[in-house]
């Protein structure tokens, strides 16, 4: 069942200064991008300030333009809501703003009646920061996994070699110089593992700098 919203007769920009004061106050101040679309023509009839901010376009640049140009990749005649009767609720989408930047949003489309006419109300929130945070987590997890893979086998071999040395010392059948040389070899192996990890850390910090928090990146790079 469509939700009924009371509003005065249509003027340029569906929700005008003469609109119901409470509704307009919510429309202008809610921290969610809202665009109202005529489902028959797919023309944008109104947009709130957050939608303008996310798309880097003014209401004047949006009103009377096709929704396909800004917030929907579907071509004319293939609208998922009006042509395919598909519900869109909290779905991730990518918008391209006026600066040609990709903006990740969580989008919902609902039907509502205004002045007795049915419209599509598209609401969306910018989740770009959340997506970047997720990407950082993925990058760091990948770094940790690669670090473990690079060092696990060498550590296992070093452990095994150290145990052999310990067993040899336990028998009492050894020469001091022989044991010293074996220990030096293991120390060199450990030094090489540390060097490999340092190189990996620097490579990841330099190649994925934007995905790693500044403080951690500076620590990894030693700056």
C-alpha atoms as a PDB file:
ATOM      1  CA  UNK A   1       0.000   0.000   0.000  1.00  0.00           C
ATOM      2  CA  UNK A   2       1.432   3.396  -0.948  1.00  0.00           C
ATOM      3  CA  UNK A   3       2.042   5.935   1.788  1.00  0.00           C
ATOM      4  CA  UNK A   4      -0.012   9.126   1.437  1.00  0.00           C
ATOM      5  CA  UNK A   5       1.796  12.421   1.971  1.00  0.00           C
ATOM      6  CA  UNK A   6      -0.163  15.663   2.178  1.00  0.00           C
ATOM      7  CA  UNK A   7       1.293  18.558   0.202  1.00  0.00           C
ATOM      8  CA  UNK A   8      -0.026  21.690  -1.568  1.00  0.00           C
ATOM      9  CA  UNK A   9      -0.552  22.015  -5.366  1.00  0.00           C
ATOM     10  CA  UNK A  10       2.500  21.363  -7.547  1.00  0.00           C
ATOM     11  CA  UNK A  11       4.974  24.181  -8.180  1.00  0.00           C
ATOM     12  CA  UNK A  12       8.516  24.095  -9.654  1.00  0.00           C
ATOM     13  CA  UNK A  13      10.262  21.721  -7.292  1.00  0.00           C
ATOM     14  CA  UNK A  14       7.609  19.460  -5.853  1.00  0.00           C
ATOM     15  CA  UNK A  15       8.209  20.549  -2.259  1.00  0.00           C
ATOM     16  CA  UNK A  16       8.154  24.352  -2.190  1.00  0.00           C
ATOM     17  CA  UNK A  17       8.336  27.009   0.485  1.00  0.00           C
ATOM     18  CA  UNK A  18       4.536  26.756   0.688  1.00  0.00           C
ATOM     19  CA  UNK A  19       4.652  23.036   1.480  1.00  0.00           C
ATOM     20  CA  UNK A  20       3.545  21.742   4.842  1.00  0.00           C
ATOM     21  CA  UNK A  21       6.135  23.215   7.221  1.00  0.00           C
ATOM     22  CA  UNK A  22       6.789  20.027   9.197  1.00  0.00           C
ATOM     23  CA  UNK A  23       7.208  17.879   6.091  1.00  0.00           C
ATOM     24  CA  UNK A  24       9.485  20.415   4.432  1.00  0.00           C
ATOM     25  CA  UNK A  25      11.564  20.768   7.597  1.00  0.00           C
ATOM     26  CA  UNK A  26      12.148  17.001   7.631  1.00  0.00           C
ATOM     27  CA  UNK A  27      12.787  16.907   3.868  1.00  0.00           C
ATOM     28  CA  UNK A  28      15.386  19.692   4.042  1.00  0.00           C
ATOM     29  CA  UNK A  29      17.178  18.529   7.190  1.00  0.00           C
ATOM     30  CA  UNK A  30      17.160  14.746   7.218  1.00  0.00           C
ATOM     31  CA  UNK A  31      20.683  13.341   6.859  1.00  0.00           C
ATOM     32  CA  UNK A  32      19.680  11.157   3.924  1.00  0.00           C
ATOM     33  CA  UNK A  33      19.731  11.958   0.228  1.00  0.00           C
ATOM     34  CA  UNK A  34      16.190  12.025  -1.144  1.00  0.00           C
ATOM     35  CA  UNK A  35      15.130  12.373  -4.773  1.00  0.00           C
ATOM     36  CA  UNK A  36      11.496  12.297  -5.859  1.00  0.00           C
ATOM     37  CA  UNK A  37      10.775  10.918  -9.326  1.00  0.00           C
ATOM     38  CA  UNK A  38       7.723  10.873 -11.564  1.00  0.00           C
ATOM     39  CA  UNK A  39       7.341   7.136 -12.362  1.00  0.00           C
ATOM     40  CA  UNK A  40       5.576   7.861 -15.660  1.00  0.00           C
ATOM     41  CA  UNK A  41       8.304  10.047 -17.145  1.00  0.00           C
ATOM     42  CA  UNK A  42      11.213   9.126 -14.861  1.00  0.00           C
ATOM     43  CA  UNK A  43      11.926  12.818 -14.486  1.00  0.00           C
ATOM     44  CA  UNK A  44      13.284  14.112 -11.196  1.00  0.00           C
ATOM     45  CA  UNK A  45      10.782  16.486  -9.613  1.00  0.00           C
ATOM     46  CA  UNK A  46      12.600  17.345  -6.386  1.00  0.00           C
ATOM     47  CA  UNK A  47      15.768  16.688  -4.392  1.00  0.00           C
ATOM     48  CA  UNK A  48      16.852  17.472  -0.855  1.00  0.00           C
ATOM     49  CA  UNK A  49      20.123  19.198   0.197  1.00  0.00           C
ATOM     50  CA  UNK A  50      21.889  15.914   1.031  1.00  0.00           C
ATOM     51  CA  UNK A  51      21.171  14.564  -2.449  1.00  0.00           C
ATOM     52  CA  UNK A  52      22.608  17.780  -3.884  1.00  0.00           C
ATOM     53  CA  UNK A  53      25.709  17.363  -1.722  1.00  0.00           C
ATOM     54  CA  UNK A  54      26.272  13.700  -2.602  1.00  0.00           C
ATOM     55  CA  UNK A  55      25.809  14.261  -6.328  1.00  0.00           C
ATOM     56  CA  UNK A  56      27.577  17.664  -6.327  1.00  0.00           C
ATOM     57  CA  UNK A  57      24.601  19.032  -8.251  1.00  0.00           C
ATOM     58  CA  UNK A  58      22.095  21.716  -7.363  1.00  0.00           C
ATOM     59  CA  UNK A  59      18.372  21.078  -7.296  1.00  0.00           C
ATOM     60  CA  UNK A  60      18.115  23.214 -10.434  1.00  0.00           C
ATOM     61  CA  UNK A  61      20.508  20.862 -12.211  1.00  0.00           C
ATOM     62  CA  UNK A  62      18.528  17.797 -11.116  1.00  0.00           C
ATOM     63  CA  UNK A  63      14.874  18.778 -11.498  1.00  0.00           C
ATOM     64  CA  UNK A  64      13.312  17.828 -14.855  1.00  0.00           C
ATOM     65  CA  UNK A  65      16.270  15.577 -15.711  1.00  0.00           C
ATOM     66  CA  UNK A  66      15.996  11.814 -16.248  1.00  0.00           C
ATOM     67  CA  UNK A  67      16.858   9.754 -13.187  1.00  0.00           C
ATOM     68  CA  UNK A  68      18.886   7.421 -15.437  1.00  0.00           C
ATOM     69  CA  UNK A  69      21.405  10.216 -15.882  1.00  0.00           C
ATOM     70  CA  UNK A  70      22.339  10.354 -12.213  1.00  0.00           C
ATOM     71  CA  UNK A  71      21.144   7.655  -9.853  1.00  0.00           C
ATOM     72  CA  UNK A  72      20.161   4.594 -11.874  1.00  0.00           C
ATOM     73  CA  UNK A  73      22.226   2.667 -14.431  1.00  0.00           C
ATOM     74  CA  UNK A  74      19.138   1.082 -15.995  1.00  0.00           C
ATOM     75  CA  UNK A  75      18.220   2.144 -19.501  1.00  0.00           C
ATOM     76  CA  UNK A  76      14.835   3.555 -20.449  1.00  0.00           C
ATOM     77  CA  UNK A  77      12.192   0.849 -20.333  1.00  0.00           C
ATOM     78  CA  UNK A  78      14.156  -1.359 -17.935  1.00  0.00           C
ATOM     79  CA  UNK A  79      13.526   0.436 -14.650  1.00  0.00           C
ATOM     80  CA  UNK A  80      13.742  -2.234 -11.933  1.00  0.00           C
ATOM     81  CA  UNK A  81      10.890  -0.619  -9.975  1.00  0.00           C
ATOM     82  CA  UNK A  82       8.351   0.483 -12.600  1.00  0.00           C
ATOM     83  CA  UNK A  83       9.124  -1.960 -15.413  1.00  0.00           C
ATOM     84  CA  UNK A  84      10.315  -5.046 -13.573  1.00  0.00           C
ATOM     85  CA  UNK A  85       8.442  -4.612 -10.259  1.00  0.00           C
ATOM     86  CA  UNK A  86      11.621  -5.223  -8.291  1.00  0.00           C
ATOM     87  CA  UNK A  87      11.869  -3.923  -4.740  1.00  0.00           C
ATOM     88  CA  UNK A  88      15.007  -1.969  -3.855  1.00  0.00           C
ATOM     89  CA  UNK A  89      15.663  -1.843  -0.124  1.00  0.00           C
ATOM     90  CA  UNK A  90      19.031  -0.981   1.420  1.00  0.00           C
ATOM     91  CA  UNK A  91      20.955  -2.116  -1.643  1.00  0.00           C
ATOM     92  CA  UNK A  92      24.492  -0.982  -2.374  1.00  0.00           C
ATOM     93  CA  UNK A  93      24.859   1.138  -5.477  1.00  0.00           C
ATOM     94  CA  UNK A  94      27.524   3.326  -7.046  1.00  0.00           C
ATOM     95  CA  UNK A  95      26.673   6.886  -8.085  1.00  0.00           C
ATOM     96  CA  UNK A  96      28.908   9.043 -10.264  1.00  0.00           C
ATOM     97  CA  UNK A  97      28.795  12.638  -9.044  1.00  0.00           C
ATOM     98  CA  UNK A  98      29.421  15.790 -11.063  1.00  0.00           C
ATOM     99  CA  UNK A  99      33.156  15.532 -10.315  1.00  0.00           C
ATOM    100  CA  UNK A 100      33.089  12.052 -11.914  1.00  0.00           C
ATOM    101  CA  UNK A 101      33.882  10.516  -8.523  1.00  0.00           C
ATOM    102  CA  UNK A 102      32.404   7.162  -7.552  1.00  0.00           C
ATOM    103  CA  UNK A 103      30.206   7.395  -4.465  1.00  0.00           C
ATOM    104  CA  UNK A 104      29.099   4.206  -2.703  1.00  0.00           C
ATOM    105  CA  UNK A 105      25.561   4.515  -1.340  1.00  0.00           C
ATOM    106  CA  UNK A 106      22.929   2.397   0.363  1.00  0.00           C
ATOM    107  CA  UNK A 107      19.742   2.964  -1.615  1.00  0.00           C
ATOM    108  CA  UNK A 108      16.030   2.365  -1.048  1.00  0.00           C
ATOM    109  CA  UNK A 109      13.131   3.131  -3.390  1.00  0.00           C
ATOM    110  CA  UNK A 110       9.574   3.498  -2.101  1.00  0.00           C
ATOM    111  CA  UNK A 111       6.293   4.607  -3.641  1.00  0.00           C
ATOM    112  CA  UNK A 112       4.378   7.524  -2.116  1.00  0.00           C
ATOM    113  CA  UNK A 113       1.391   9.676  -3.062  1.00  0.00           C
ATOM    114  CA  UNK A 114       1.770  13.444  -3.110  1.00  0.00           C
ATOM    115  CA  UNK A 115      -1.215  15.593  -4.109  1.00  0.00           C
ATOM    116  CA  UNK A 116      -3.010  12.414  -5.147  1.00  0.00           C
ATOM    117  CA  UNK A 117      -0.279  11.380  -7.591  1.00  0.00           C
ATOM    118  CA  UNK A 118       2.099   8.495  -7.081  1.00  0.00           C
ATOM    119  CA  UNK A 119       5.831   9.180  -7.082  1.00  0.00           C
ATOM    120  CA  UNK A 120       8.988   7.216  -6.471  1.00  0.00           C
ATOM    121  CA  UNK A 121      10.945   8.359  -3.437  1.00  0.00           C
ATOM    122  CA  UNK A 122      14.577   7.319  -3.714  1.00  0.00           C
ATOM    123  CA  UNK A 123      16.539   7.650  -0.477  1.00  0.00           C
ATOM    124  CA  UNK A 124      20.225   6.943  -0.104  1.00  0.00           C
ATOM    125  CA  UNK A 125      23.063   7.376   2.362  1.00  0.00           C
ATOM    126  CA  UNK A 126      26.715   7.822   1.514  1.00  0.00           C
ATOM    127  CA  UNK A 127      28.654   4.759   2.716  1.00  0.00           C
ATOM    128  CA  UNK A 128      31.961   5.659   1.045  1.00  0.00           C
ATOM    129  CA  UNK A 129      33.762   5.981   4.386  1.00  0.00           C
ATOM    130  CA  UNK A 130      32.474   2.591   5.484  1.00  0.00           C
ATOM    131  CA  UNK A 131      33.583   1.019   2.212  1.00  0.00           C
ATOM    132  CA  UNK A 132      37.041   2.563   2.600  1.00  0.00           C
ATOM    133  CA  UNK A 133      37.223   1.178   6.137  1.00  0.00           C
ATOM    134  CA  UNK A 134      36.249  -2.257   4.828  1.00  0.00           C
ATOM    135  CA  UNK A 135      38.922  -2.001   2.137  1.00  0.00           C
ATOM    136  CA  UNK A 136      41.492  -1.116   4.803  1.00  0.00           C
ATOM    137  CA  UNK A 137      40.516  -4.193   6.782  1.00  0.00           C
ATOM    138  CA  UNK A 138      40.835  -6.389   3.698  1.00  0.00           C
ATOM    139  CA  UNK A 139      44.253  -4.901   2.888  1.00  0.00           C
ATOM    140  CA  UNK A 140      45.513  -5.390   6.438  1.00  0.00           C
ATOM    141  CA  UNK A 141      44.167  -8.933   6.660  1.00  0.00           C
ATOM    142  CA  UNK A 142      45.851  -9.721   3.349  1.00  0.00           C
ATOM    143  CA  UNK A 143      49.098  -8.262   4.667  1.00  0.00           C
ATOM    144  CA  UNK A 144      48.888 -10.350   7.836  1.00  0.00           C
ATOM    145  CA  UNK A 145      48.120 -13.520   5.885  1.00  0.00           C
ATOM    146  CA  UNK A 146      51.044 -12.981   3.519  1.00  0.00           C
ATOM    147  CA  UNK A 147      53.353 -12.219   6.456  1.00  0.00           C
ATOM    148  CA  UNK A 148      52.387 -15.459   8.167  1.00  0.00           C
ATOM    149  CA  UNK A 149      52.850 -17.474   4.970  1.00  0.00           C
ATOM    150  CA  UNK A 150      56.284 -15.967   4.339  1.00  0.00           C
ATOM    151  CA  UNK A 151      57.623 -16.625   7.815  1.00  0.00           C
ATOM    152  CA  UNK A 152      55.891 -19.772   9.006  1.00  0.00           C
ATOM    153  CA  UNK A 153      57.907 -22.350   7.056  1.00  0.00           C
ATOM    154  CA  UNK A 154      61.316 -20.711   7.711  1.00  0.00           C
ATOM    155  CA  UNK A 155      60.440 -20.543  11.414  1.00  0.00           C
ATOM    156  CA  UNK A 156      59.474 -24.209  11.452  1.00  0.00           C
ATOM    157  CA  UNK A 157      62.810 -25.126   9.829  1.00  0.00           C
ATOM    158  CA  UNK A 158      64.731 -22.936  12.281  1.00  0.00           C
ATOM    159  CA  UNK A 159      62.905 -24.520  15.198  1.00  0.00           C
ATOM    160  CA  UNK A 160      63.731 -27.988  13.901  1.00  0.00           C
ATOM    161  CA  UNK A 161      67.405 -27.080  13.417  1.00  0.00           C
ATOM    162  CA  UNK A 162      67.651 -25.556  16.888  1.00  0.00           C
ATOM    163  CA  UNK A 163      66.158 -28.714  18.364  1.00  0.00           C
ATOM    164  CA  UNK A 164      68.762 -30.832  16.538  1.00  0.00           C
ATOM    165  CA  UNK A 165      71.508 -28.643  17.990  1.00  0.00           C
ATOM    166  CA  UNK A 166      70.012 -28.964  21.459  1.00  0.00           C
ATOM    167  CA  UNK A 167      69.825 -32.751  21.115  1.00  0.00           C
ATOM    168  CA  UNK A 168      73.453 -32.868  19.967  1.00  0.00           C
ATOM    169  CA  UNK A 169      74.595 -30.776  22.945  1.00  0.00           C
ATOM    170  CA  UNK A 170      72.618 -33.046  25.262  1.00  0.00           C
ATOM    171  CA  UNK A 171      74.594 -36.096  24.137  1.00  0.00           C
ATOM    172  CA  UNK A 172      77.842 -34.329  24.924  1.00  0.00           C
ATOM    173  CA  UNK A 173      79.279 -35.434  21.572  1.00  0.00           C
ATOM    174  CA  UNK A 174      80.066 -32.116  19.945  1.00  0.00           C
ATOM    175  CA  UNK A 175      82.775 -29.584  19.314  1.00  0.00           C
ATOM    176  CA  UNK A 176      82.288 -26.030  20.510  1.00  0.00           C
ATOM    177  CA  UNK A 177      83.241 -24.511  17.144  1.00  0.00           C
ATOM    178  CA  UNK A 178      80.802 -26.791  15.331  1.00  0.00           C
ATOM    179  CA  UNK A 179      77.937 -25.752  17.626  1.00  0.00           C
ATOM    180  CA  UNK A 180      78.939 -22.109  17.338  1.00  0.00           C
ATOM    181  CA  UNK A 181      78.800 -22.280  13.533  1.00  0.00           C
ATOM    182  CA  UNK A 182      75.418 -24.024  13.563  1.00  0.00           C
ATOM    183  CA  UNK A 183      73.982 -21.405  15.927  1.00  0.00           C
ATOM    184  CA  UNK A 184      75.411 -18.637  13.744  1.00  0.00           C
ATOM    185  CA  UNK A 185      73.662 -20.117  10.700  1.00  0.00           C
ATOM    186  CA  UNK A 186      70.322 -20.097  12.536  1.00  0.00           C
ATOM    187  CA  UNK A 187      70.920 -16.526  13.712  1.00  0.00           C
ATOM    188  CA  UNK A 188      71.590 -15.530  10.083  1.00  0.00           C
ATOM    189  CA  UNK A 189      68.387 -17.272   9.012  1.00  0.00           C
ATOM    190  CA  UNK A 190      66.394 -15.339  11.613  1.00  0.00           C
ATOM    191  CA  UNK A 191      68.015 -12.078  10.468  1.00  0.00           C
ATOM    192  CA  UNK A 192      66.970 -12.836   6.879  1.00  0.00           C
ATOM    193  CA  UNK A 193      63.394 -13.527   7.997  1.00  0.00           C
ATOM    194  CA  UNK A 194      63.290 -10.164   9.771  1.00  0.00           C
ATOM    195  CA  UNK A 195      64.669  -8.469   6.660  1.00  0.00           C
ATOM    196  CA  UNK A 196      62.049 -10.154   4.454  1.00  0.00           C
ATOM    197  CA  UNK A 197      59.269  -9.022   6.785  1.00  0.00           C
ATOM    198  CA  UNK A 198      60.619  -5.461   6.810  1.00  0.00           C
ATOM    199  CA  UNK A 199      60.634  -5.439   3.005  1.00  0.00           C
ATOM    200  CA  UNK A 200      57.090  -6.798   2.910  1.00  0.00           C
ATOM    201  CA  UNK A 201      55.886  -4.186   5.408  1.00  0.00           C
ATOM    202  CA  UNK A 202      57.448  -1.357   3.398  1.00  0.00           C
ATOM    203  CA  UNK A 203      56.039  -2.673   0.124  1.00  0.00           C
ATOM    204  CA  UNK A 204      52.514  -2.935   1.527  1.00  0.00           C
ATOM    205  CA  UNK A 205      52.719   0.484   3.200  1.00  0.00           C
ATOM    206  CA  UNK A 206      53.867   2.124  -0.032  1.00  0.00           C
ATOM    207  CA  UNK A 207      51.499   0.333  -2.426  1.00  0.00           C
ATOM    208  CA  UNK A 208      48.416   0.509  -0.197  1.00  0.00           C
ATOM    209  CA  UNK A 209      49.136   3.779   1.557  1.00  0.00           C
ATOM    210  CA  UNK A 210      45.585   5.096   1.195  1.00  0.00           C
ATOM    211  CA  UNK A 211      44.151   1.899   2.668  1.00  0.00           C
ATOM    212  CA  UNK A 212      46.271   2.051   5.815  1.00  0.00           C
ATOM    213  CA  UNK A 213      45.607   4.594   8.600  1.00  0.00           C
ATOM    214  CA  UNK A 214      48.194   7.376   8.626  1.00  0.00           C
ATOM    215  CA  UNK A 215      49.592   6.567  12.086  1.00  0.00           C
ATOM    216  CA  UNK A 216      50.076   2.883  11.233  1.00  0.00           C
ATOM    217  CA  UNK A 217      51.603   3.728   7.842  1.00  0.00           C
ATOM    218  CA  UNK A 218      54.136   6.070   9.466  1.00  0.00           C
ATOM    219  CA  UNK A 219      54.998   3.393  12.009  1.00  0.00           C
ATOM    220  CA  UNK A 220      55.460   0.753   9.307  1.00  0.00           C
ATOM    221  CA  UNK A 221      57.646   3.047   7.224  1.00  0.00           C
ATOM    222  CA  UNK A 222      59.580   4.208  10.272  1.00  0.00           C
ATOM    223  CA  UNK A 223      58.798   7.877   9.611  1.00  0.00           C
END
